[in-house]
Amino acid sequence: MLKENEVITMRGLKVAKALRTIVYIQTSLKNIDAYYSQSSAHSNNEKFSIEYAIEKNRFIDHNRITRKLAKVRRILSEPFNKKLGEDEMDDLERRVEGIIFWAKPGD
């Protein structure tokens, strides 16, 4: 890691904005989980499981969660030096290398 990336300084308001978005997403998803799992009678109910999946997807799509997360990523990535190393990657790229992402079934 580049020396200048070992300690990063950010404006408090930017960090607070990113954290607000993370808290919104995390708490909303937790609330959806709690609502749909509050009764053990519903936990084995296929109809309720489908409603739960639909509600989670509705929340993610309706609230443009992927866009919100992309904005948080930009905020948190902004102060890093993005100089490429010998491997043609910057420090952040190296840190996310190897993450196993979702792939369509069968891949």
C-alpha atoms as a PDB file:
ATOM      1  CA  MET A   1       0.000   0.000   0.000  1.00  0.00           C
ATOM      2  CA  LEU A   2       1.258   3.472  -0.833  1.00  0.00           C
ATOM      3  CA  LYS A   3       2.501   5.407   2.185  1.00  0.00           C
ATOM      4  CA  GLU A   4      -0.003   8.228   1.531  1.00  0.00           C
ATOM      5  CA  ASN A   5      -2.871   5.688   1.595  1.00  0.00           C
ATOM      6  CA  GLU A   6      -1.948   4.349   5.040  1.00  0.00           C
ATOM      7  CA  VAL A   7      -3.653   7.293   6.772  1.00  0.00           C
ATOM      8  CA  ILE A   8      -6.627   8.934   5.066  1.00  0.00           C
ATOM      9  CA  THR A   9      -8.239  12.186   6.159  1.00  0.00           C
ATOM     10  CA  MET A  10     -11.828  12.997   5.220  1.00  0.00           C
ATOM     11  CA  ARG A  11     -14.184  15.853   5.933  1.00  0.00           C
ATOM     12  CA  GLY A  12     -16.589  14.899   8.715  1.00  0.00           C
ATOM     13  CA  LEU A  13     -19.656  15.964   6.745  1.00  0.00           C
ATOM     14  CA  LYS A  14     -18.750  13.632   3.861  1.00  0.00           C
ATOM     15  CA  VAL A  15     -18.205  10.702   6.226  1.00  0.00           C
ATOM     16  CA  ALA A  16     -21.477  11.508   8.019  1.00  0.00           C
ATOM     17  CA  LYS A  17     -23.316  11.553   4.670  1.00  0.00           C
ATOM     18  CA  ALA A  18     -21.885   8.154   3.725  1.00  0.00           C
ATOM     19  CA  LEU A  19     -22.708   6.727   7.145  1.00  0.00           C
ATOM     20  CA  ARG A  20     -26.248   8.087   6.975  1.00  0.00           C
ATOM     21  CA  THR A  21     -26.788   6.186   3.716  1.00  0.00           C
ATOM     22  CA  ILE A  22     -25.305   2.994   5.168  1.00  0.00           C
ATOM     23  CA  VAL A  23     -27.478   3.272   8.293  1.00  0.00           C
ATOM     24  CA  TYR A  24     -30.586   3.894   6.153  1.00  0.00           C
ATOM     25  CA  ILE A  25     -29.969   0.778   4.071  1.00  0.00           C
ATOM     26  CA  GLN A  26     -28.899  -1.470   6.948  1.00  0.00           C
ATOM     27  CA  THR A  27     -31.756  -0.438   9.260  1.00  0.00           C
ATOM     28  CA  SER A  28     -34.382  -0.678   6.529  1.00  0.00           C
ATOM     29  CA  LEU A  29     -33.251  -4.185   5.569  1.00  0.00           C
ATOM     30  CA  LYS A  30     -33.167  -5.166   9.251  1.00  0.00           C
ATOM     31  CA  ASN A  31     -36.721  -3.829   9.678  1.00  0.00           C
ATOM     32  CA  ILE A  32     -37.928  -5.816   6.664  1.00  0.00           C
ATOM     33  CA  ASP A  33     -36.265  -8.941   8.095  1.00  0.00           C
ATOM     34  CA  ALA A  34     -37.819  -8.353  11.516  1.00  0.00           C
ATOM     35  CA  TYR A  35     -41.303  -7.760  10.110  1.00  0.00           C
ATOM     36  CA  TYR A  36     -41.270 -10.896   8.004  1.00  0.00           C
ATOM     37  CA  SER A  37     -39.735 -13.113  10.686  1.00  0.00           C
ATOM     38  CA  GLN A  38     -41.586 -11.776  13.741  1.00  0.00           C
ATOM     39  CA  SER A  39     -43.895 -14.748  13.915  1.00  0.00           C
ATOM     40  CA  SER A  40     -42.664 -18.330  13.797  1.00  0.00           C
ATOM     41  CA  ALA A  41     -45.959 -19.195  12.112  1.00  0.00           C
ATOM     42  CA  HIS A  42     -44.768 -17.216   9.084  1.00  0.00           C
ATOM     43  CA  SER A  43     -41.256 -18.616   8.922  1.00  0.00           C
ATOM     44  CA  ASN A  44     -42.355 -21.833   7.212  1.00  0.00           C
ATOM     45  CA  ASN A  45     -45.023 -20.196   5.088  1.00  0.00           C
ATOM     46  CA  GLU A  46     -44.001 -20.161   1.407  1.00  0.00           C
ATOM     47  CA  LYS A  47     -46.395 -17.298   0.603  1.00  0.00           C
ATOM     48  CA  PHE A  48     -44.800 -15.197   3.318  1.00  0.00           C
ATOM     49  CA  SER A  49     -41.307 -16.048   2.020  1.00  0.00           C
ATOM     50  CA  ILE A  50     -42.319 -14.855  -1.434  1.00  0.00           C
ATOM     51  CA  GLU A  51     -43.788 -11.646   0.028  1.00  0.00           C
ATOM     52  CA  TYR A  52     -40.544 -11.137   1.974  1.00  0.00           C
ATOM     53  CA  ALA A  53     -38.425 -11.549  -1.169  1.00  0.00           C
ATOM     54  CA  ILE A  54     -40.698  -9.228  -3.133  1.00  0.00           C
ATOM     55  CA  GLU A  55     -40.566  -6.570  -0.392  1.00  0.00           C
ATOM     56  CA  LYS A  56     -36.763  -6.708  -0.180  1.00  0.00           C
ATOM     57  CA  ASN A  57     -36.481  -6.392  -3.959  1.00  0.00           C
ATOM     58  CA  ARG A  58     -39.039  -3.591  -4.008  1.00  0.00           C
ATOM     59  CA  PHE A  59     -37.081  -1.707  -1.350  1.00  0.00           C
ATOM     60  CA  ILE A  60     -33.779  -2.156  -3.224  1.00  0.00           C
ATOM     61  CA  ASP A  61     -35.212  -1.174  -6.608  1.00  0.00           C
ATOM     62  CA  HIS A  62     -37.595   1.596  -5.495  1.00  0.00           C
ATOM     63  CA  ASN A  63     -34.936   3.286  -3.363  1.00  0.00           C
ATOM     64  CA  ARG A  64     -32.156   2.899  -5.956  1.00  0.00           C
ATOM     65  CA  ILE A  65     -29.940   1.187  -3.413  1.00  0.00           C
ATOM     66  CA  THR A  66     -27.232   0.282  -5.927  1.00  0.00           C
ATOM     67  CA  ARG A  67     -26.902   3.975  -6.863  1.00  0.00           C
ATOM     68  CA  LYS A  68     -26.770   4.971  -3.199  1.00  0.00           C
ATOM     69  CA  LEU A  69     -24.047   2.408  -2.530  1.00  0.00           C
ATOM     70  CA  ALA A  70     -22.094   3.604  -5.572  1.00  0.00           C
ATOM     71  CA  LYS A  71     -22.229   7.140  -4.155  1.00  0.00           C
ATOM     72  CA  VAL A  72     -20.954   5.912  -0.769  1.00  0.00           C
ATOM     73  CA  ARG A  73     -18.171   4.076  -2.550  1.00  0.00           C
ATOM     74  CA  ARG A  74     -17.172   7.271  -4.407  1.00  0.00           C
ATOM     75  CA  ILE A  75     -17.165   9.271  -1.148  1.00  0.00           C
ATOM     76  CA  LEU A  76     -15.030   6.726   0.679  1.00  0.00           C
ATOM     77  CA  SER A  77     -12.663   6.204  -2.272  1.00  0.00           C
ATOM     78  CA  GLU A  78     -12.121   9.893  -3.025  1.00  0.00           C
ATOM     79  CA  PRO A  79      -9.193  10.641  -0.686  1.00  0.00           C
ATOM     80  CA  PHE A  80      -7.075   7.676  -1.814  1.00  0.00           C
ATOM     81  CA  ASN A  81      -4.119   8.099  -4.144  1.00  0.00           C
ATOM     82  CA  LYS A  82      -5.039   6.033  -7.188  1.00  0.00           C
ATOM     83  CA  LYS A  83      -1.510   5.671  -8.574  1.00  0.00           C
ATOM     84  CA  LEU A  84      -1.134   2.358 -10.385  1.00  0.00           C
ATOM     85  CA  GLY A  85       1.465  -0.111  -9.225  1.00  0.00           C
ATOM     86  CA  GLU A  86       3.520  -2.552 -11.270  1.00  0.00           C
ATOM     87  CA  ASP A  87       0.457  -4.813 -11.408  1.00  0.00           C
ATOM     88  CA  GLU A  88      -1.531  -2.019 -13.144  1.00  0.00           C
ATOM     89  CA  MET A  89      -3.858  -1.736 -10.123  1.00  0.00           C
ATOM     90  CA  ASP A  90      -4.254   0.926  -7.465  1.00  0.00           C
ATOM     91  CA  ASP A  91      -4.394   0.179  -3.726  1.00  0.00           C
ATOM     92  CA  LEU A  92      -8.198  -0.018  -3.605  1.00  0.00           C
ATOM     93  CA  GLU A  93      -8.362  -2.371  -6.589  1.00  0.00           C
ATOM     94  CA  ARG A  94      -5.858  -4.619  -4.856  1.00  0.00           C
ATOM     95  CA  ARG A  95      -7.975  -4.631  -1.678  1.00  0.00           C
ATOM     96  CA  VAL A  96     -11.103  -5.803  -3.489  1.00  0.00           C
ATOM     97  CA  GLU A  97      -9.303  -8.303  -5.688  1.00  0.00           C
ATOM     98  CA  GLY A  98     -10.451 -11.812  -4.935  1.00  0.00           C
ATOM     99  CA  ILE A  99     -13.919 -10.918  -3.701  1.00  0.00           C
ATOM    100  CA  ILE A 100     -16.346 -13.549  -4.889  1.00  0.00           C
ATOM    101  CA  PHE A 101     -19.318 -11.698  -6.355  1.00  0.00           C
ATOM    102  CA  TRP A 102     -22.779 -13.018  -7.097  1.00  0.00           C
ATOM    103  CA  ALA A 103     -22.993 -14.771 -10.433  1.00  0.00           C
ATOM    104  CA  LYS A 104     -25.942 -16.183 -12.260  1.00  0.00           C
ATOM    105  CA  PRO A 105     -26.764 -19.762 -11.270  1.00  0.00           C
ATOM    106  CA  GLY A 106     -24.642 -22.266 -13.137  1.00  0.00           C
ATOM    107  CA  ASP A 107     -21.605 -20.003 -13.512  1.00  0.00           C
END
